[in-house]
All heavy atoms as atom14 arrays in JSON, in Angstrom:
{
  "sequence": "HVSEGATLLFSSDPAKYPLVHTTWEGVELMNYSPLIYAFEQKN",
  "atom14_mask": [
    [1, 1, 1, 1, 1, 1, 1, 1, 1, 1, 0, 0, 0, 0],
    [1, 1, 1, 1, 1, 1, 1, 0, 0, 0, 0, 0, 0, 0],
    [1, 1, 1, 1, 1, 1, 0, 0, 0, 0, 0, 0, 0, 0],
    [1, 1, 1, 1, 1, 1, 1, 1, 1, 0, 0, 0, 0, 0],
    [1, 1, 1, 1, 0, 0, 0, 0, 0, 0, 0, 0, 0, 0],
    [1, 1, 1, 1, 1, 0, 0, 0, 0, 0, 0, 0, 0, 0],
    [1, 1, 1, 1, 1, 1, 1, 0, 0, 0, 0, 0, 0, 0],
    [1, 1, 1, 1, 1, 1, 1, 1, 0, 0, 0, 0, 0, 0],
    [1, 1, 1, 1, 1, 1, 1, 1, 0, 0, 0, 0, 0, 0],
    [1, 1, 1, 1, 1, 1, 1, 1, 1, 1, 1, 0, 0, 0],
    [1, 1, 1, 1, 1, 1, 0, 0, 0, 0, 0, 0, 0, 0],
    [1, 1, 1, 1, 1, 1, 0, 0, 0, 0, 0, 0, 0, 0],
    [1, 1, 1, 1, 1, 1, 1, 1, 0, 0, 0, 0, 0, 0],
    [1, 1, 1, 1, 1, 1, 1, 0, 0, 0, 0, 0, 0, 0],
    [1, 1, 1, 1, 1, 0, 0, 0, 0, 0, 0, 0, 0, 0],
    [1, 1, 1, 1, 1, 1, 1, 1, 1, 0, 0, 0, 0, 0],
    [1, 1, 1, 1, 1, 1, 1, 1, 1, 1, 1, 1, 0, 0],
    [1, 1, 1, 1, 1, 1, 1, 0, 0, 0, 0, 0, 0, 0],
    [1, 1, 1, 1, 1, 1, 1, 1, 0, 0, 0, 0, 0, 0],
    [1, 1, 1, 1, 1, 1, 1, 0, 0, 0, 0, 0, 0, 0],
    [1, 1, 1, 1, 1, 1, 1, 1, 1, 1, 0, 0, 0, 0],
    [1, 1, 1, 1, 1, 1, 1, 0, 0, 0, 0, 0, 0, 0],
    [1, 1, 1, 1, 1, 1, 1, 0, 0, 0, 0, 0, 0, 0],
    [1, 1, 1, 1, 1, 1, 1, 1, 1, 1, 1, 1, 1, 1],
    [1, 1, 1, 1, 1, 1, 1, 1, 1, 0, 0, 0, 0, 0],
    [1, 1, 1, 1, 0, 0, 0, 0, 0, 0, 0, 0, 0, 0],
    [1, 1, 1, 1, 1, 1, 1, 0, 0, 0, 0, 0, 0, 0],
    [1, 1, 1, 1, 1, 1, 1, 1, 1, 0, 0, 0, 0, 0],
    [1, 1, 1, 1, 1, 1, 1, 1, 0, 0, 0, 0, 0, 0],
    [1, 1, 1, 1, 1, 1, 1, 1, 0, 0, 0, 0, 0, 0],
    [1, 1, 1, 1, 1, 1, 1, 1, 0, 0, 0, 0, 0, 0],
    [1, 1, 1, 1, 1, 1, 1, 1, 1, 1, 1, 1, 0, 0],
    [1, 1, 1, 1, 1, 1, 0, 0, 0, 0, 0, 0, 0, 0],
    [1, 1, 1, 1, 1, 1, 1, 0, 0, 0, 0, 0, 0, 0],
    [1, 1, 1, 1, 1, 1, 1, 1, 0, 0, 0, 0, 0, 0],
    [1, 1, 1, 1, 1, 1, 1, 1, 0, 0, 0, 0, 0, 0],
    [1, 1, 1, 1, 1, 1, 1, 1, 1, 1, 1, 1, 0, 0],
    [1, 1, 1, 1, 1, 0, 0, 0, 0, 0, 0, 0, 0, 0],
    [1, 1, 1, 1, 1, 1, 1, 1, 1, 1, 1, 0, 0, 0],
    [1, 1, 1, 1, 1, 1, 1, 1, 1, 0, 0, 0, 0, 0],
    [1, 1, 1, 1, 1, 1, 1, 1, 1, 0, 0, 0, 0, 0],
    [1, 1, 1, 1, 1, 1, 1, 1, 1, 0, 0, 0, 0, 0],
    [1, 1, 1, 1, 1, 1, 1, 1, 0, 0, 0, 0, 0, 0]
  ],
  "atom14_positions": [
    [[1.72, 3.11, 31.94], [2.78, 2.12, 32.07], [2.39, 0.84, 31.33], [1.45, 0.14, 31.73], [3.06, 1.81, 33.54], [4.2, 0.87, 33.74], [5.52, 1.26, 33.71], [4.22, -0.46, 33.98], [6.31, 0.23, 33.91], [5.54, -0.85, 34.07], [0.0, 0.0, 0.0], [0.0, 0.0, 0.0], [0.0, 0.0, 0.0], [0.0, 0.0, 0.0]],
    [[3.1, 0.55, 30.26], [2.83, -0.64, 29.44], [3.8, -1.73, 29.88], [4.99, -1.69, 29.58], [2.97, -0.32, 27.94], [2.55, -1.51, 27.1], [2.15, 0.91, 27.58], [0.0, 0.0, 0.0], [0.0, 0.0, 0.0], [0.0, 0.0, 0.0], [0.0, 0.0, 0.0], [0.0, 0.0, 0.0], [0.0, 0.0, 0.0], [0.0, 0.0, 0.0]],
    [[3.31, -2.68, 30.6], [4.16, -3.69, 31.25], [4.85, -4.59, 30.23], [4.38, -4.74, 29.08], [3.31, -4.56, 32.19], [2.63, -3.77, 33.14], [0.0, 0.0, 0.0], [0.0, 0.0, 0.0], [0.0, 0.0, 0.0], [0.0, 0.0, 0.0], [0.0, 0.0, 0.0], [0.0, 0.0, 0.0], [0.0, 0.0, 0.0], [0.0, 0.0, 0.0]],
    [[5.94, -5.2, 30.66], [6.61, -6.18, 29.82], [5.63, -7.3, 29.47], [4.92, -7.82, 30.33], [7.83, -6.75, 30.53], [8.67, -7.66, 29.66], [9.99, -8.02, 30.31], [10.22, -7.62, 31.48], [10.79, -8.7, 29.65], [0.0, 0.0, 0.0], [0.0, 0.0, 0.0], [0.0, 0.0, 0.0], [0.0, 0.0, 0.0], [0.0, 0.0, 0.0]],
    [[5.58, -7.66, 28.18], [4.63, -8.66, 27.73], [3.29, -8.1, 27.33], [2.41, -8.84, 26.86], [0.0, 0.0, 0.0], [0.0, 0.0, 0.0], [0.0, 0.0, 0.0], [0.0, 0.0, 0.0], [0.0, 0.0, 0.0], [0.0, 0.0, 0.0], [0.0, 0.0, 0.0], [0.0, 0.0, 0.0], [0.0, 0.0, 0.0], [0.0, 0.0, 0.0]],
    [[3.1, -6.78, 27.49], [1.85, -6.14, 27.11], [1.99, -5.47, 25.74], [3.05, -4.93, 25.41], [1.44, -5.09, 28.14], [0.0, 0.0, 0.0], [0.0, 0.0, 0.0], [0.0, 0.0, 0.0], [0.0, 0.0, 0.0], [0.0, 0.0, 0.0], [0.0, 0.0, 0.0], [0.0, 0.0, 0.0], [0.0, 0.0, 0.0], [0.0, 0.0, 0.0]],
    [[0.92, -5.5, 24.97], [0.87, -4.8, 23.69], [-0.41, -3.99, 23.63], [-1.52, -4.53, 23.77], [0.9, -5.78, 22.51], [2.13, -6.49, 22.5], [0.74, -5.04, 21.19], [0.0, 0.0, 0.0], [0.0, 0.0, 0.0], [0.0, 0.0, 0.0], [0.0, 0.0, 0.0], [0.0, 0.0, 0.0], [0.0, 0.0, 0.0], [0.0, 0.0, 0.0]],
    [[-0.26, -2.68, 23.44], [-1.4, -1.85, 23.09], [-1.55, -1.92, 21.57], [-0.67, -1.48, 20.83], [-1.18, -0.41, 23.55], [-1.44, -0.12, 25.03], [-0.99, 1.29, 25.38], [-2.93, -0.31, 25.37], [0.0, 0.0, 0.0], [0.0, 0.0, 0.0], [0.0, 0.0, 0.0], [0.0, 0.0, 0.0], [0.0, 0.0, 0.0], [0.0, 0.0, 0.0]],
    [[-2.64, -2.51, 21.12], [-2.85, -2.76, 19.7], [-3.84, -1.71, 19.17], [-5.04, -1.77, 19.45], [-3.4, -4.18, 19.5], [-3.47, -4.7, 18.07], [-2.06, -4.88, 17.49], [-4.23, -6.02, 18.02], [0.0, 0.0, 0.0], [0.0, 0.0, 0.0], [0.0, 0.0, 0.0], [0.0, 0.0, 0.0], [0.0, 0.0, 0.0], [0.0, 0.0, 0.0]],
    [[-3.32, -0.74, 18.44], [-4.14, 0.39, 18.02], [-4.91, 0.08, 16.74], [-4.36, -0.47, 15.78], [-3.27, 1.62, 17.83], [-2.77, 2.2, 19.13], [-1.61, 1.72, 19.72], [-3.5, 3.18, 19.78], [-1.16, 2.22, 20.92], [-3.06, 3.69, 21.0], [-1.9, 3.21, 21.57], [0.0, 0.0, 0.0], [0.0, 0.0, 0.0], [0.0, 0.0, 0.0]],
    [[-6.16, 0.47, 16.73], [-7.02, 0.26, 15.58], [-6.49, 1.03, 14.37], [-5.94, 2.13, 14.5], [-8.44, 0.72, 15.91], [-9.25, 0.67, 14.75], [0.0, 0.0, 0.0], [0.0, 0.0, 0.0], [0.0, 0.0, 0.0], [0.0, 0.0, 0.0], [0.0, 0.0, 0.0], [0.0, 0.0, 0.0], [0.0, 0.0, 0.0], [0.0, 0.0, 0.0]],
    [[-6.69, 0.48, 13.19], [-6.37, 1.19, 11.95], [-7.61, 1.86, 11.36], [-7.57, 2.36, 10.23], [-5.76, 0.23, 10.93], [-6.66, -0.82, 10.63], [0.0, 0.0, 0.0], [0.0, 0.0, 0.0], [0.0, 0.0, 0.0], [0.0, 0.0, 0.0], [0.0, 0.0, 0.0], [0.0, 0.0, 0.0], [0.0, 0.0, 0.0], [0.0, 0.0, 0.0]],
    [[-8.69, 1.9, 12.12], [-9.92, 2.55, 11.69], [-9.85, 4.04, 12.03], [-9.82, 4.42, 13.2], [-11.12, 1.92, 12.4], [-12.45, 2.55, 12.0], [-12.45, 3.47, 11.15], [-13.48, 2.12, 12.55], [0.0, 0.0, 0.0], [0.0, 0.0, 0.0], [0.0, 0.0, 0.0], [0.0, 0.0, 0.0], [0.0, 0.0, 0.0], [0.0, 0.0, 0.0]],
    [[-9.81, 4.94, 11.03], [-9.71, 6.38, 11.32], [-10.81, 6.89, 12.24], [-10.61, 7.89, 12.95], [-9.8, 7.03, 9.93], [-9.32, 5.97, 8.99], [-9.8, 4.68, 9.57], [0.0, 0.0, 0.0], [0.0, 0.0, 0.0], [0.0, 0.0, 0.0], [0.0, 0.0, 0.0], [0.0, 0.0, 0.0], [0.0, 0.0, 0.0], [0.0, 0.0, 0.0]],
    [[-11.96, 6.24, 12.26], [-13.07, 6.69, 13.1], [-12.73, 6.6, 14.59], [-13.42, 7.23, 15.42], [-14.32, 5.86, 12.81], [0.0, 0.0, 0.0], [0.0, 0.0, 0.0], [0.0, 0.0, 0.0], [0.0, 0.0, 0.0], [0.0, 0.0, 0.0], [0.0, 0.0, 0.0], [0.0, 0.0, 0.0], [0.0, 0.0, 0.0], [0.0, 0.0, 0.0]],
    [[-11.7, 5.85, 14.94], [-11.3, 5.71, 16.34], [-10.44, 6.88, 16.82], [-10.0, 6.9, 17.97], [-10.52, 4.41, 16.53], [-11.29, 3.15, 16.16], [-12.41, 2.86, 17.12], [-13.06, 1.51, 16.81], [-14.18, 1.22, 17.73], [0.0, 0.0, 0.0], [0.0, 0.0, 0.0], [0.0, 0.0, 0.0], [0.0, 0.0, 0.0], [0.0, 0.0, 0.0]],
    [[-10.19, 7.86, 15.94], [-9.27, 8.95, 16.26], [-9.97, 10.29, 16.05], [-9.95, 10.86, 14.96], [-7.99, 8.81, 15.42], [-7.36, 7.47, 15.68], [-7.64, 6.36, 14.86], [-6.55, 7.27, 16.8], [-7.11, 5.11, 15.14], [-6.03, 6.01, 17.08], [-6.31, 4.95, 16.26], [-5.8, 3.71, 16.55], [0.0, 0.0, 0.0], [0.0, 0.0, 0.0]],
    [[-10.62, 10.81, 17.1], [-11.45, 12.01, 16.97], [-10.63, 13.26, 16.66], [-9.41, 13.3, 16.84], [-12.1, 12.13, 18.35], [-11.14, 11.45, 19.27], [-10.56, 10.31, 18.49], [0.0, 0.0, 0.0], [0.0, 0.0, 0.0], [0.0, 0.0, 0.0], [0.0, 0.0, 0.0], [0.0, 0.0, 0.0], [0.0, 0.0, 0.0], [0.0, 0.0, 0.0]],
    [[-11.31, 14.28, 16.2], [-10.68, 15.54, 15.83], [-10.07, 16.22, 17.05], [-10.72, 16.37, 18.08], [-11.74, 16.45, 15.2], [-11.32, 17.44, 14.12], [-10.83, 16.7, 12.89], [-12.5, 18.33, 13.76], [0.0, 0.0, 0.0], [0.0, 0.0, 0.0], [0.0, 0.0, 0.0], [0.0, 0.0, 0.0], [0.0, 0.0, 0.0], [0.0, 0.0, 0.0]],
    [[-8.8, 16.64, 16.93], [-8.13, 17.39, 17.99], [-7.26, 18.48, 17.37], [-6.97, 18.47, 16.17], [-7.24, 16.49, 18.88], [-8.06, 15.43, 19.6], [-6.11, 15.85, 18.06], [0.0, 0.0, 0.0], [0.0, 0.0, 0.0], [0.0, 0.0, 0.0], [0.0, 0.0, 0.0], [0.0, 0.0, 0.0], [0.0, 0.0, 0.0], [0.0, 0.0, 0.0]],
    [[-6.83, 19.41, 18.2], [-5.87, 20.44, 17.79], [-4.49, 19.79, 17.74], [-3.94, 19.37, 18.75], [-5.89, 21.58, 18.8], [-5.01, 22.74, 18.44], [-5.37, 24.04, 18.66], [-3.78, 22.82, 17.86], [-4.42, 24.86, 18.25], [-3.44, 24.11, 17.76], [0.0, 0.0, 0.0], [0.0, 0.0, 0.0], [0.0, 0.0, 0.0], [0.0, 0.0, 0.0]],
    [[-3.92, 19.72, 16.56], [-2.65, 19.03, 16.4], [-1.83, 19.78, 15.34], [-2.1, 20.94, 15.02], [-2.88, 17.54, 16.05], [-1.63, 16.86, 15.94], [-3.68, 17.37, 14.77], [0.0, 0.0, 0.0], [0.0, 0.0, 0.0], [0.0, 0.0, 0.0], [0.0, 0.0, 0.0], [0.0, 0.0, 0.0], [0.0, 0.0, 0.0], [0.0, 0.0, 0.0]],
    [[-0.82, 19.13, 14.82], [0.0, 19.73, 13.77], [0.39, 18.65, 12.78], [0.53, 17.48, 13.14], [1.26, 20.4, 14.38], [2.03, 21.0, 13.33], [2.12, 19.4, 15.12], [0.0, 0.0, 0.0], [0.0, 0.0, 0.0], [0.0, 0.0, 0.0], [0.0, 0.0, 0.0], [0.0, 0.0, 0.0], [0.0, 0.0, 0.0], [0.0, 0.0, 0.0]],
    [[0.52, 19.05, 11.52], [0.87, 18.09, 10.47], [1.93, 18.74, 9.59], [1.69, 19.79, 8.98], [-0.36, 17.71, 9.66], [-0.2, 16.46, 8.85], [-0.45, 15.18, 9.26], [0.27, 16.35, 7.5], [-0.18, 14.28, 8.24], [0.28, 14.99, 7.15], [0.69, 17.29, 6.55], [0.67, 14.52, 5.91], [1.1, 16.83, 5.3], [1.08, 15.47, 4.98]],
    [[3.1, 18.13, 9.54], [4.25, 18.66, 8.8], [4.47, 20.14, 9.1], [4.68, 20.96, 8.22], [4.11, 18.4, 7.29], [4.33, 16.94, 6.93], [4.59, 16.71, 5.45], [4.6, 17.67, 4.68], [4.78, 15.52, 5.09], [0.0, 0.0, 0.0], [0.0, 0.0, 0.0], [0.0, 0.0, 0.0], [0.0, 0.0, 0.0], [0.0, 0.0, 0.0]],
    [[4.41, 20.47, 10.4], [4.81, 21.79, 10.85], [3.75, 22.86, 10.78], [4.05, 24.03, 11.03], [0.0, 0.0, 0.0], [0.0, 0.0, 0.0], [0.0, 0.0, 0.0], [0.0, 0.0, 0.0], [0.0, 0.0, 0.0], [0.0, 0.0, 0.0], [0.0, 0.0, 0.0], [0.0, 0.0, 0.0], [0.0, 0.0, 0.0], [0.0, 0.0, 0.0]],
    [[2.5, 22.53, 10.47], [1.42, 23.51, 10.38], [0.26, 23.02, 11.25], [-0.16, 21.87, 11.14], [0.97, 23.71, 8.92], [-0.19, 24.7, 8.84], [2.14, 24.21, 8.07], [0.0, 0.0, 0.0], [0.0, 0.0, 0.0], [0.0, 0.0, 0.0], [0.0, 0.0, 0.0], [0.0, 0.0, 0.0], [0.0, 0.0, 0.0], [0.0, 0.0, 0.0]],
    [[-0.28, 23.91, 12.08], [-1.35, 23.53, 13.0], [-2.67, 23.33, 12.24], [-2.92, 23.96, 11.21], [-1.53, 24.59, 14.08], [-0.34, 24.67, 15.03], [-0.6, 25.55, 16.22], [-1.15, 26.66, 16.06], [-0.27, 25.14, 17.33], [0.0, 0.0, 0.0], [0.0, 0.0, 0.0], [0.0, 0.0, 0.0], [0.0, 0.0, 0.0], [0.0, 0.0, 0.0]],
    [[-3.52, 22.47, 12.82], [-4.82, 22.16, 12.21], [-5.66, 21.36, 13.18], [-5.2, 20.97, 14.25], [-4.64, 21.36, 10.91], [-4.31, 19.86, 11.02], [-4.48, 19.18, 9.67], [-2.94, 19.59, 11.58], [0.0, 0.0, 0.0], [0.0, 0.0, 0.0], [0.0, 0.0, 0.0], [0.0, 0.0, 0.0], [0.0, 0.0, 0.0], [0.0, 0.0, 0.0]],
    [[-6.9, 21.11, 12.79], [-7.77, 20.17, 13.48], [-7.77, 18.89, 12.64], [-8.16, 18.9, 11.47], [-9.19, 20.73, 13.61], [-9.26, 22.12, 14.24], [-8.59, 22.19, 15.92], [-9.75, 21.11, 16.78], [0.0, 0.0, 0.0], [0.0, 0.0, 0.0], [0.0, 0.0, 0.0], [0.0, 0.0, 0.0], [0.0, 0.0, 0.0], [0.0, 0.0, 0.0]],
    [[-7.33, 17.8, 13.27], [-7.14, 16.57, 12.48], [-7.33, 15.36, 13.38], [-7.62, 15.48, 14.58], [-5.74, 16.58, 11.86], [-5.58, 15.53, 10.76], [-6.53, 15.23, 10.03], [-4.38, 14.97, 10.64], [0.0, 0.0, 0.0], [0.0, 0.0, 0.0], [0.0, 0.0, 0.0], [0.0, 0.0, 0.0], [0.0, 0.0, 0.0], [0.0, 0.0, 0.0]],
    [[-7.18, 14.19, 12.78], [-7.24, 12.95, 13.56], [-6.35, 13.03, 14.79], [-5.21, 13.5, 14.72], [-6.78, 11.76, 12.7], [-7.66, 11.45, 11.53], [-7.22, 11.71, 10.23], [-8.92, 10.88, 11.7], [-8.02, 11.41, 9.13], [-9.72, 10.59, 10.6], [-9.28, 10.86, 9.32], [-10.07, 10.57, 8.24], [0.0, 0.0, 0.0], [0.0, 0.0, 0.0]],
    [[-6.83, 12.54, 15.9], [-6.02, 12.49, 17.11], [-4.81, 11.59, 16.9], [-4.91, 10.52, 16.31], [-6.84, 11.93, 18.27], [-6.01, 11.67, 19.39], [0.0, 0.0, 0.0], [0.0, 0.0, 0.0], [0.0, 0.0, 0.0], [0.0, 0.0, 0.0], [0.0, 0.0, 0.0], [0.0, 0.0, 0.0], [0.0, 0.0, 0.0], [0.0, 0.0, 0.0]],
    [[-3.64, 12.01, 17.39], [-2.55, 11.04, 17.51], [-2.99, 9.82, 18.31], [-3.94, 9.89, 19.11], [-1.46, 11.84, 18.23], [-1.74, 13.26, 17.85], [-3.25, 13.35, 17.82], [0.0, 0.0, 0.0], [0.0, 0.0, 0.0], [0.0, 0.0, 0.0], [0.0, 0.0, 0.0], [0.0, 0.0, 0.0], [0.0, 0.0, 0.0], [0.0, 0.0, 0.0]],
    [[-2.28, 8.72, 18.13], [-2.7, 7.5, 18.8], [-2.58, 7.64, 20.32], [-3.45, 7.17, 21.06], [-1.87, 6.31, 18.28], [-2.33, 5.72, 16.93], [-2.37, 6.75, 15.81], [-1.45, 4.54, 16.53], [0.0, 0.0, 0.0], [0.0, 0.0, 0.0], [0.0, 0.0, 0.0], [0.0, 0.0, 0.0], [0.0, 0.0, 0.0], [0.0, 0.0, 0.0]],
    [[-1.5, 8.26, 20.79], [-1.38, 8.64, 22.21], [-1.14, 10.14, 22.23], [-0.18, 10.63, 21.63], [-0.25, 7.88, 22.92], [-0.56, 6.38, 22.93], [-0.06, 8.39, 24.34], [0.5, 5.54, 23.62], [0.0, 0.0, 0.0], [0.0, 0.0, 0.0], [0.0, 0.0, 0.0], [0.0, 0.0, 0.0], [0.0, 0.0, 0.0], [0.0, 0.0, 0.0]],
    [[-1.98, 10.88, 22.95], [-2.02, 12.34, 22.81], [-2.2, 12.97, 24.19], [-2.94, 12.45, 25.04], [-3.19, 12.7, 21.92], [-3.49, 14.16, 21.69], [-2.65, 14.96, 20.91], [-4.65, 14.74, 22.21], [-2.96, 16.29, 20.66], [-4.97, 16.07, 21.96], [-4.12, 16.85, 21.2], [-4.43, 18.16, 20.95], [0.0, 0.0, 0.0], [0.0, 0.0, 0.0]],
    [[-1.52, 14.08, 24.4], [-1.73, 14.9, 25.6], [-1.66, 16.35, 25.17], [-0.72, 16.74, 24.47], [-0.68, 14.59, 26.66], [0.0, 0.0, 0.0], [0.0, 0.0, 0.0], [0.0, 0.0, 0.0], [0.0, 0.0, 0.0], [0.0, 0.0, 0.0], [0.0, 0.0, 0.0], [0.0, 0.0, 0.0], [0.0, 0.0, 0.0], [0.0, 0.0, 0.0]],
    [[-2.63, 17.15, 25.57], [-2.69, 18.55, 25.16], [-2.71, 19.45, 26.39], [-3.6, 19.35, 27.24], [-3.94, 18.8, 24.31], [-4.01, 20.19, 23.73], [-3.15, 20.57, 22.71], [-4.93, 21.11, 24.2], [-3.22, 21.84, 22.15], [-5.0, 22.38, 23.66], [-4.14, 22.75, 22.63], [0.0, 0.0, 0.0], [0.0, 0.0, 0.0], [0.0, 0.0, 0.0]],
    [[-1.67, 20.3, 26.5], [-1.56, 21.27, 27.58], [-1.67, 20.6, 28.96], [-2.43, 21.04, 29.83], [-2.61, 22.38, 27.41], [-2.37, 23.2, 26.14], [-3.33, 24.35, 25.95], [-4.39, 24.37, 26.63], [-3.04, 25.25, 25.14], [0.0, 0.0, 0.0], [0.0, 0.0, 0.0], [0.0, 0.0, 0.0], [0.0, 0.0, 0.0], [0.0, 0.0, 0.0]],
    [[-0.9, 19.54, 29.15], [-0.86, 18.81, 30.41], [0.52, 18.94, 31.05], [1.5, 19.27, 30.38], [-1.2, 17.34, 30.2], [-2.54, 17.09, 29.51], [-3.72, 17.57, 30.32], [-3.87, 17.22, 31.5], [-4.58, 18.38, 29.7], [0.0, 0.0, 0.0], [0.0, 0.0, 0.0], [0.0, 0.0, 0.0], [0.0, 0.0, 0.0], [0.0, 0.0, 0.0]],
    [[0.59, 18.68, 32.35], [1.86, 18.71, 33.08], [2.11, 17.35, 33.72], [1.19, 16.73, 34.26], [1.84, 19.78, 34.17], [1.81, 21.21, 33.65], [1.91, 22.21, 34.8], [1.93, 23.63, 34.27], [2.05, 24.63, 35.36], [0.0, 0.0, 0.0], [0.0, 0.0, 0.0], [0.0, 0.0, 0.0], [0.0, 0.0, 0.0], [0.0, 0.0, 0.0]],
    [[3.36, 16.92, 33.69], [3.76, 15.66, 34.31], [3.0, 14.49, 33.68], [2.05, 13.95, 34.26], [3.53, 15.69, 35.83], [4.2, 16.86, 36.49], [5.31, 17.26, 36.12], [3.55, 17.44, 37.49], [0.0, 0.0, 0.0], [0.0, 0.0, 0.0], [0.0, 0.0, 0.0], [0.0, 0.0, 0.0], [0.0, 0.0, 0.0], [0.0, 0.0, 0.0]]
  ]
}
């Protein structure tokens, strides 16, 4: 929950985004983590 008046300021340093199972232009791969990511989670 990002409250009113709050800013999550994401780094532009690629090193801050570890390798994860993701997809890029419709093809799966291991790549930089999305900035906010959830994998095989519920709720």
